[in-house]
Amino acid sequence: MEQQQPYSERFPVGASVRVVPLSEHKRFSSEWKWHHPLQSDQLRFAGVVAKVREVGFYHGGDVLYQLDGLPGTWHEQCLRPV
């Protein structure tokens, strides 16, 4: 994966993204111990395509997304380009 500058999103507002497959989603959910943990109901959206509604940054540069029609806060590591 290409290296990004801090506070720089990979997916701009309006971009279409795909939530990672269930196996990757579950792995991230079990390994991530920091801010904004994934909620269990987010797992059902594995593989779904959605548009980026909003982009935000956690202190330190972690990119967080809000997606149209999908609940919760999404980490960039859980999204792929379409």
PDB file of N, CA and C in Angstrom:
ATOM      1  N   MET A   1       0.840  -1.173   0.000  1.00  0.00           N
ATOM      2  CA  MET A   1       0.000   0.000   0.000  1.00  0.00           C
ATOM      3  C   MET A   1       0.888   1.241   0.000  1.00  0.00           C
ATOM      4  N   GLU A   2       0.465   2.262  -0.718  1.00  0.00           N
ATOM      5  CA  GLU A   2       1.252   3.487  -0.804  1.00  0.00           C
ATOM      6  C   GLU A   2       1.229   4.253   0.510  1.00  0.00           C
ATOM      7  N   GLN A   3       2.303   4.963   0.776  1.00  0.00           N
ATOM      8  CA  GLN A   3       2.445   5.755   1.997  1.00  0.00           C
ATOM      9  C   GLN A   3       1.701   7.077   1.829  1.00  0.00           C
ATOM     10  N   GLN A   4       0.961   7.500   2.848  1.00  0.00           N
ATOM     11  CA  GLN A   4       0.211   8.746   2.810  1.00  0.00           C
ATOM     12  C   GLN A   4       0.816   9.765   3.758  1.00  0.00           C
ATOM     13  N   GLN A   5       0.573  11.016   3.465  1.00  0.00           N
ATOM     14  CA  GLN A   5       0.927  12.082   4.380  1.00  0.00           C
ATOM     15  C   GLN A   5      -0.067  12.079   5.532  1.00  0.00           C
ATOM     16  N   PRO A   6       0.361  12.466   6.745  1.00  0.00           N
ATOM     17  CA  PRO A   6      -0.599  12.567   7.860  1.00  0.00           C
ATOM     18  C   PRO A   6      -1.732  13.526   7.522  1.00  0.00           C
ATOM     19  N   TYR A   7      -2.910  13.229   8.016  1.00  0.00           N
ATOM     20  CA  TYR A   7      -4.114  14.040   7.804  1.00  0.00           C
ATOM     21  C   TYR A   7      -4.432  14.179   6.318  1.00  0.00           C
ATOM     22  N   SER A   8      -4.303  13.088   5.614  1.00  0.00           N
ATOM     23  CA  SER A   8      -4.605  13.029   4.193  1.00  0.00           C
ATOM     24  C   SER A   8      -5.420  11.775   3.939  1.00  0.00           C
ATOM     25  N   GLU A   9      -6.652  11.951   3.475  1.00  0.00           N
ATOM     26  CA  GLU A   9      -7.521  10.794   3.254  1.00  0.00           C
ATOM     27  C   GLU A   9      -7.227  10.126   1.922  1.00  0.00           C
ATOM     28  N   ARG A  10      -7.435   8.831   1.896  1.00  0.00           N
ATOM     29  CA  ARG A  10      -7.287   8.047   0.664  1.00  0.00           C
ATOM     30  C   ARG A  10      -8.539   8.183  -0.191  1.00  0.00           C
ATOM     31  N   PHE A  11      -9.704   8.332   0.466  1.00  0.00           N
ATOM     32  CA  PHE A  11     -10.988   8.385  -0.226  1.00  0.00           C
ATOM     33  C   PHE A  11     -11.673   9.720   0.067  1.00  0.00           C
ATOM     34  N   PRO A  12     -11.796  10.602  -0.912  1.00  0.00           N
ATOM     35  CA  PRO A  12     -12.445  11.895  -0.671  1.00  0.00           C
ATOM     36  C   PRO A  12     -13.967  11.760  -0.579  1.00  0.00           C
ATOM     37  N   VAL A  13     -14.604  12.791  -0.055  1.00  0.00           N
ATOM     38  CA  VAL A  13     -16.063  12.825   0.002  1.00  0.00           C
ATOM     39  C   VAL A  13     -16.608  12.587  -1.406  1.00  0.00           C
ATOM     40  N   GLY A  14     -17.609  11.709  -1.500  1.00  0.00           N
ATOM     41  CA  GLY A  14     -18.224  11.379  -2.783  1.00  0.00           C
ATOM     42  C   GLY A  14     -17.641  10.152  -3.452  1.00  0.00           C
ATOM     43  N   ALA A  15     -16.486   9.681  -2.987  1.00  0.00           N
ATOM     44  CA  ALA A  15     -15.872   8.482  -3.575  1.00  0.00           C
ATOM     45  C   ALA A  15     -16.664   7.234  -3.201  1.00  0.00           C
ATOM     46  N   SER A  16     -16.697   6.279  -4.088  1.00  0.00           N
ATOM     47  CA  SER A  16     -17.296   4.979  -3.793  1.00  0.00           C
ATOM     48  C   SER A  16     -16.222   4.082  -3.197  1.00  0.00           C
ATOM     49  N   VAL A  17     -16.587   3.385  -2.135  1.00  0.00           N
ATOM     50  CA  VAL A  17     -15.673   2.469  -1.463  1.00  0.00           C
ATOM     51  C   VAL A  17     -16.397   1.159  -1.197  1.00  0.00           C
ATOM     52  N   ARG A  18     -15.610   0.114  -0.996  1.00  0.00           N
ATOM     53  CA  ARG A  18     -16.168  -1.193  -0.636  1.00  0.00           C
ATOM     54  C   ARG A  18     -15.629  -1.559   0.745  1.00  0.00           C
ATOM     55  N   VAL A  19     -16.527  -1.972   1.633  1.00  0.00           N
ATOM     56  CA  VAL A  19     -16.108  -2.458   2.941  1.00  0.00           C
ATOM     57  C   VAL A  19     -15.378  -3.778   2.719  1.00  0.00           C
ATOM     58  N   VAL A  20     -14.290  -3.985   3.457  1.00  0.00           N
ATOM     59  CA  VAL A  20     -13.477  -5.189   3.274  1.00  0.00           C
ATOM     60  C   VAL A  20     -14.313  -6.453   3.504  1.00  0.00           C
ATOM     61  N   PRO A  21     -13.848  -7.601   2.990  1.00  0.00           N
ATOM     62  CA  PRO A  21     -14.551  -8.869   3.208  1.00  0.00           C
ATOM     63  C   PRO A  21     -14.653  -9.204   4.702  1.00  0.00           C
ATOM     64  N   LEU A  22     -15.583 -10.058   5.035  1.00  0.00           N
ATOM     65  CA  LEU A  22     -15.870 -10.397   6.423  1.00  0.00           C
ATOM     66  C   LEU A  22     -14.640 -10.876   7.188  1.00  0.00           C
ATOM     67  N   SER A  23     -13.787 -11.692   6.566  1.00  0.00           N
ATOM     68  CA  SER A  23     -12.605 -12.194   7.274  1.00  0.00           C
ATOM     69  C   SER A  23     -11.686 -11.055   7.700  1.00  0.00           C
ATOM     70  N   GLU A  24     -11.452 -10.074   6.826  1.00  0.00           N
ATOM     71  CA  GLU A  24     -10.609  -8.929   7.165  1.00  0.00           C
ATOM     72  C   GLU A  24     -11.293  -8.025   8.189  1.00  0.00           C
ATOM     73  N   HIS A  25     -12.588  -7.883   8.035  1.00  0.00           N
ATOM     74  CA  HIS A  25     -13.386  -7.048   8.932  1.00  0.00           C
ATOM     75  C   HIS A  25     -13.319  -7.595  10.360  1.00  0.00           C
ATOM     76  N   LYS A  26     -13.470  -8.910  10.490  1.00  0.00           N
ATOM     77  CA  LYS A  26     -13.414  -9.552  11.810  1.00  0.00           C
ATOM     78  C   LYS A  26     -12.014  -9.439  12.415  1.00  0.00           C
ATOM     79  N   ARG A  27     -10.994  -9.617  11.594  1.00  0.00           N
ATOM     80  CA  ARG A  27      -9.621  -9.512  12.083  1.00  0.00           C
ATOM     81  C   ARG A  27      -9.347  -8.108  12.607  1.00  0.00           C
ATOM     82  N   PHE A  28      -9.702  -7.101  11.829  1.00  0.00           N
ATOM     83  CA  PHE A  28      -9.503  -5.722  12.271  1.00  0.00           C
ATOM     84  C   PHE A  28     -10.259  -5.465  13.571  1.00  0.00           C
ATOM     85  N   SER A  29     -11.483  -5.924  13.628  1.00  0.00           N
ATOM     86  CA  SER A  29     -12.315  -5.712  14.811  1.00  0.00           C
ATOM     87  C   SER A  29     -11.700  -6.339  16.057  1.00  0.00           C
ATOM     88  N   SER A  30     -11.093  -7.502  15.920  1.00  0.00           N
ATOM     89  CA  SER A  30     -10.510  -8.173  17.080  1.00  0.00           C
ATOM     90  C   SER A  30      -9.142  -7.604  17.465  1.00  0.00           C
ATOM     91  N   GLU A  31      -8.403  -7.057  16.501  1.00  0.00           N
ATOM     92  CA  GLU A  31      -7.057  -6.551  16.767  1.00  0.00           C
ATOM     93  C   GLU A  31      -7.015  -5.080  17.166  1.00  0.00           C
ATOM     94  N   TRP A  32      -7.976  -4.294  16.710  1.00  0.00           N
ATOM     95  CA  TRP A  32      -7.952  -2.849  16.949  1.00  0.00           C
ATOM     96  C   TRP A  32      -8.324  -2.566  18.401  1.00  0.00           C
ATOM     97  N   LYS A  33      -7.460  -1.893  19.130  1.00  0.00           N
ATOM     98  CA  LYS A  33      -7.670  -1.625  20.555  1.00  0.00           C
ATOM     99  C   LYS A  33      -7.715  -0.136  20.885  1.00  0.00           C
ATOM    100  N   TRP A  34      -7.775   0.711  19.902  1.00  0.00           N
ATOM    101  CA  TRP A  34      -7.695   2.144  20.141  1.00  0.00           C
ATOM    102  C   TRP A  34      -9.050   2.812  20.030  1.00  0.00           C
ATOM    103  N   HIS A  35      -9.075   3.988  19.473  1.00  0.00           N
ATOM    104  CA  HIS A  35     -10.287   4.796  19.359  1.00  0.00           C
ATOM    105  C   HIS A  35     -11.281   4.226  18.354  1.00  0.00           C
ATOM    106  N   HIS A  36     -12.525   4.581  18.518  1.00  0.00           N
ATOM    107  CA  HIS A  36     -13.601   4.213  17.606  1.00  0.00           C
ATOM    108  C   HIS A  36     -13.603   2.725  17.228  1.00  0.00           C
ATOM    109  N   PRO A  37     -13.740   1.826  18.203  1.00  0.00           N
ATOM    110  CA  PRO A  37     -13.812   0.408  17.841  1.00  0.00           C
ATOM    111  C   PRO A  37     -15.028   0.160  16.961  1.00  0.00           C
ATOM    112  N   LEU A  38     -14.922  -0.825  16.079  1.00  0.00           N
ATOM    113  CA  LEU A  38     -16.065  -1.180  15.245  1.00  0.00           C
ATOM    114  C   LEU A  38     -17.160  -1.771  16.117  1.00  0.00           C
ATOM    115  N   GLN A  39     -18.390  -1.495  15.753  1.00  0.00           N
ATOM    116  CA  GLN A  39     -19.533  -2.065  16.451  1.00  0.00           C
ATOM    117  C   GLN A  39     -19.905  -3.383  15.776  1.00  0.00           C
ATOM    118  N   SER A  40     -20.416  -4.309  16.542  1.00  0.00           N
ATOM    119  CA  SER A  40     -20.721  -5.636  15.990  1.00  0.00           C
ATOM    120  C   SER A  40     -21.694  -5.573  14.814  1.00  0.00           C
ATOM    121  N   ASP A  41     -22.610  -4.607  14.809  1.00  0.00           N
ATOM    122  CA  ASP A  41     -23.561  -4.531  13.693  1.00  0.00           C
ATOM    123  C   ASP A  41     -22.906  -4.064  12.399  1.00  0.00           C
ATOM    124  N   GLN A  42     -21.679  -3.532  12.473  1.00  0.00           N
ATOM    125  CA  GLN A  42     -20.987  -3.121  11.256  1.00  0.00           C
ATOM    126  C   GLN A  42     -20.496  -4.329  10.450  1.00  0.00           C
ATOM    127  N   LEU A  43     -20.321  -5.467  11.086  1.00  0.00           N
ATOM    128  CA  LEU A  43     -19.840  -6.663  10.390  1.00  0.00           C
ATOM    129  C   LEU A  43     -20.772  -7.086   9.255  1.00  0.00           C
ATOM    130  N   ARG A  44     -22.049  -6.818   9.407  1.00  0.00           N
ATOM    131  CA  ARG A  44     -23.009  -7.251   8.367  1.00  0.00           C
ATOM    132  C   ARG A  44     -22.850  -6.481   7.061  1.00  0.00           C
ATOM    133  N   PHE A  45     -22.040  -5.439   7.076  1.00  0.00           N
ATOM    134  CA  PHE A  45     -21.829  -4.647   5.862  1.00  0.00           C
ATOM    135  C   PHE A  45     -20.570  -5.036   5.101  1.00  0.00           C
ATOM    136  N   ALA A  46     -19.944  -6.123   5.477  1.00  0.00           N
ATOM    137  CA  ALA A  46     -18.747  -6.595   4.766  1.00  0.00           C
ATOM    138  C   ALA A  46     -19.071  -6.756   3.280  1.00  0.00           C
ATOM    139  N   GLY A  47     -18.224  -6.209   2.428  1.00  0.00           N
ATOM    140  CA  GLY A  47     -18.394  -6.318   0.986  1.00  0.00           C
ATOM    141  C   GLY A  47     -19.323  -5.297   0.364  1.00  0.00           C
ATOM    142  N   VAL A  48     -20.019  -4.512   1.167  1.00  0.00           N
ATOM    143  CA  VAL A  48     -20.984  -3.538   0.652  1.00  0.00           C
ATOM    144  C   VAL A  48     -20.259  -2.328   0.065  1.00  0.00           C
ATOM    145  N   VAL A  49     -20.818  -1.785  -1.005  1.00  0.00           N
ATOM    146  CA  VAL A  49     -20.296  -0.566  -1.626  1.00  0.00           C
ATOM    147  C   VAL A  49     -21.127   0.615  -1.133  1.00  0.00           C
ATOM    148  N   ALA A  50     -20.451   1.700  -0.774  1.00  0.00           N
ATOM    149  CA  ALA A  50     -21.128   2.915  -0.310  1.00  0.00           C
ATOM    150  C   ALA A  50     -20.303   4.127  -0.719  1.00  0.00           C
ATOM    151  N   LYS A  51     -20.923   5.303  -0.624  1.00  0.00           N
ATOM    152  CA  LYS A  51     -20.221   6.559  -0.918  1.00  0.00           C
ATOM    153  C   LYS A  51     -19.779   7.212   0.382  1.00  0.00           C
ATOM    154  N   VAL A  52     -18.616   7.824   0.323  1.00  0.00           N
ATOM    155  CA  VAL A  52     -18.090   8.567   1.464  1.00  0.00           C
ATOM    156  C   VAL A  52     -18.920   9.833   1.639  1.00  0.00           C
ATOM    157  N   ARG A  53     -19.490   9.987   2.830  1.00  0.00           N
ATOM    158  CA  ARG A  53     -20.298  11.166   3.157  1.00  0.00           C
ATOM    159  C   ARG A  53     -19.470  12.226   3.871  1.00  0.00           C
ATOM    160  N   GLU A  54     -18.537  11.764   4.711  1.00  0.00           N
ATOM    161  CA  GLU A  54     -17.751  12.689   5.529  1.00  0.00           C
ATOM    162  C   GLU A  54     -16.413  12.051   5.860  1.00  0.00           C
ATOM    163  N   VAL A  55     -15.381  12.882   5.937  1.00  0.00           N
ATOM    164  CA  VAL A  55     -14.039  12.424   6.306  1.00  0.00           C
ATOM    165  C   VAL A  55     -13.598  13.208   7.532  1.00  0.00           C
ATOM    166  N   GLY A  56     -13.028  12.504   8.506  1.00  0.00           N
ATOM    167  CA  GLY A  56     -12.495  13.157   9.690  1.00  0.00           C
ATOM    168  C   GLY A  56     -11.175  12.510  10.071  1.00  0.00           C
ATOM    169  N   PHE A  57     -10.491  13.136  11.000  1.00  0.00           N
ATOM    170  CA  PHE A  57      -9.183  12.634  11.417  1.00  0.00           C
ATOM    171  C   PHE A  57      -9.121  12.557  12.932  1.00  0.00           C
ATOM    172  N   TYR A  58      -8.605  11.460  13.422  1.00  0.00           N
ATOM    173  CA  TYR A  58      -8.359  11.313  14.841  1.00  0.00           C
ATOM    174  C   TYR A  58      -6.982  11.890  15.118  1.00  0.00           C
ATOM    175  N   HIS A  59      -6.766  12.367  16.327  1.00  0.00           N
ATOM    176  CA  HIS A  59      -5.462  12.909  16.704  1.00  0.00           C
ATOM    177  C   HIS A  59      -4.371  11.900  16.347  1.00  0.00           C
ATOM    178  N   GLY A  60      -3.383  12.322  15.618  1.00  0.00           N
ATOM    179  CA  GLY A  60      -2.327  11.429  15.169  1.00  0.00           C
ATOM    180  C   GLY A  60      -2.452  11.082  13.701  1.00  0.00           C
ATOM    181  N   GLY A  61      -3.592  11.419  13.092  1.00  0.00           N
ATOM    182  CA  GLY A  61      -3.735  11.258  11.665  1.00  0.00           C
ATOM    183  C   GLY A  61      -4.574  10.099  11.180  1.00  0.00           C
ATOM    184  N   ASP A  62      -5.104   9.248  12.090  1.00  0.00           N
ATOM    185  CA  ASP A  62      -5.965   8.154  11.628  1.00  0.00           C
ATOM    186  C   ASP A  62      -7.184   8.736  10.928  1.00  0.00           C
ATOM    187  N   VAL A  63      -7.475   8.199   9.745  1.00  0.00           N
ATOM    188  CA  VAL A  63      -8.585   8.698   8.943  1.00  0.00           C
ATOM    189  C   VAL A  63      -9.840   7.917   9.295  1.00  0.00           C
ATOM    190  N   LEU A  64     -10.932   8.644   9.533  1.00  0.00           N
ATOM    191  CA  LEU A  64     -12.223   8.050   9.877  1.00  0.00           C
ATOM    192  C   LEU A  64     -13.269   8.548   8.895  1.00  0.00           C
ATOM    193  N   TYR A  65     -14.177   7.661   8.511  1.00  0.00           N
ATOM    194  CA  TYR A  65     -15.177   7.972   7.494  1.00  0.00           C
ATOM    195  C   TYR A  65     -16.587   7.733   8.006  1.00  0.00           C
ATOM    196  N   GLN A  66     -17.501   8.522   7.470  1.00  0.00           N
ATOM    197  CA  GLN A  66     -18.935   8.284   7.594  1.00  0.00           C
ATOM    198  C   GLN A  66     -19.382   7.933   6.173  1.00  0.00           C
ATOM    199  N   LEU A  67     -20.165   6.862   6.049  1.00  0.00           N
ATOM    200  CA  LEU A  67     -20.589   6.391   4.739  1.00  0.00           C
ATOM    201  C   LEU A  67     -22.095   6.510   4.589  1.00  0.00           C
ATOM    202  N   ASP A  68     -22.550   6.880   3.405  1.00  0.00           N
ATOM    203  CA  ASP A  68     -23.986   6.989   3.135  1.00  0.00           C
ATOM    204  C   ASP A  68     -24.665   5.637   3.318  1.00  0.00           C
ATOM    205  N   GLY A  69     -25.698   5.616   4.147  1.00  0.00           N
ATOM    206  CA  GLY A  69     -26.508   4.421   4.317  1.00  0.00           C
ATOM    207  C   GLY A  69     -25.919   3.364   5.234  1.00  0.00           C
ATOM    208  N   LEU A  70     -24.729   3.574   5.760  1.00  0.00           N
ATOM    209  CA  LEU A  70     -24.107   2.597   6.667  1.00  0.00           C
ATOM    210  C   LEU A  70     -23.872   3.257   8.015  1.00  0.00           C
ATOM    211  N   PRO A  71     -24.252   2.584   9.093  1.00  0.00           N
ATOM    212  CA  PRO A  71     -24.086   3.178  10.414  1.00  0.00           C
ATOM    213  C   PRO A  71     -22.636   3.111  10.885  1.00  0.00           C
ATOM    214  N   GLY A  72     -22.317   3.957  11.826  1.00  0.00           N
ATOM    215  CA  GLY A  72     -21.025   3.880  12.499  1.00  0.00           C
ATOM    216  C   GLY A  72     -19.929   4.680  11.831  1.00  0.00           C
ATOM    217  N   THR A  73     -18.788   4.620  12.465  1.00  0.00           N
ATOM    218  CA  THR A  73     -17.566   5.260  11.983  1.00  0.00           C
ATOM    219  C   THR A  73     -16.687   4.178  11.383  1.00  0.00           C
ATOM    220  N   TRP A  74     -16.151   4.452  10.218  1.00  0.00           N
ATOM    221  CA  TRP A  74     -15.381   3.457   9.472  1.00  0.00           C
ATOM    222  C   TRP A  74     -13.919   3.875   9.393  1.00  0.00           C
ATOM    223  N   HIS A  75     -13.043   2.948   9.719  1.00  0.00           N
ATOM    224  CA  HIS A  75     -11.603   3.176   9.622  1.00  0.00           C
ATOM    225  C   HIS A  75     -11.159   2.947   8.179  1.00  0.00           C
ATOM    226  N   GLU A  76     -10.173   3.726   7.751  1.00  0.00           N
ATOM    227  CA  GLU A  76      -9.663   3.594   6.388  1.00  0.00           C
ATOM    228  C   GLU A  76      -9.184   2.173   6.089  1.00  0.00           C
ATOM    229  N   GLN A  77      -8.647   1.472   7.107  1.00  0.00           N
ATOM    230  CA  GLN A  77      -8.152   0.104   6.918  1.00  0.00           C
ATOM    231  C   GLN A  77      -9.280  -0.864   6.571  1.00  0.00           C
ATOM    232  N   CYS A  78     -10.523  -0.463   6.790  1.00  0.00           N
ATOM    233  CA  CYS A  78     -11.672  -1.337   6.523  1.00  0.00           C
ATOM    234  C   CYS A  78     -12.328  -1.039   5.184  1.00  0.00           C
ATOM    235  N   LEU A  79     -11.708  -0.177   4.396  1.00  0.00           N
ATOM    236  CA  LEU A  79     -12.299   0.221   3.115  1.00  0.00           C
ATOM    237  C   LEU A  79     -11.314  -0.019   1.975  1.00  0.00           C
ATOM    238  N   ARG A  80     -11.874  -0.296   0.818  1.00  0.00           N
ATOM    239  CA  ARG A  80     -11.083  -0.508  -0.403  1.00  0.00           C
ATOM    240  C   ARG A  80     -11.705   0.302  -1.546  1.00  0.00           C
ATOM    241  N   PRO A  81     -10.893   0.650  -2.541  1.00  0.00           N
ATOM    242  CA  PRO A  81     -11.476   1.332  -3.719  1.00  0.00           C
ATOM    243  C   PRO A  81     -12.366   0.364  -4.474  1.00  0.00           C
ATOM    244  N   VAL A  82     -13.328   0.934  -5.169  1.00  0.00           N
ATOM    245  CA  VAL A  82     -14.245   0.116  -5.987  1.00  0.00           C
ATOM    246  C   VAL A  82     -13.658  -0.027  -7.363  1.00  0.00           C
TER     247      VAL A  82
END
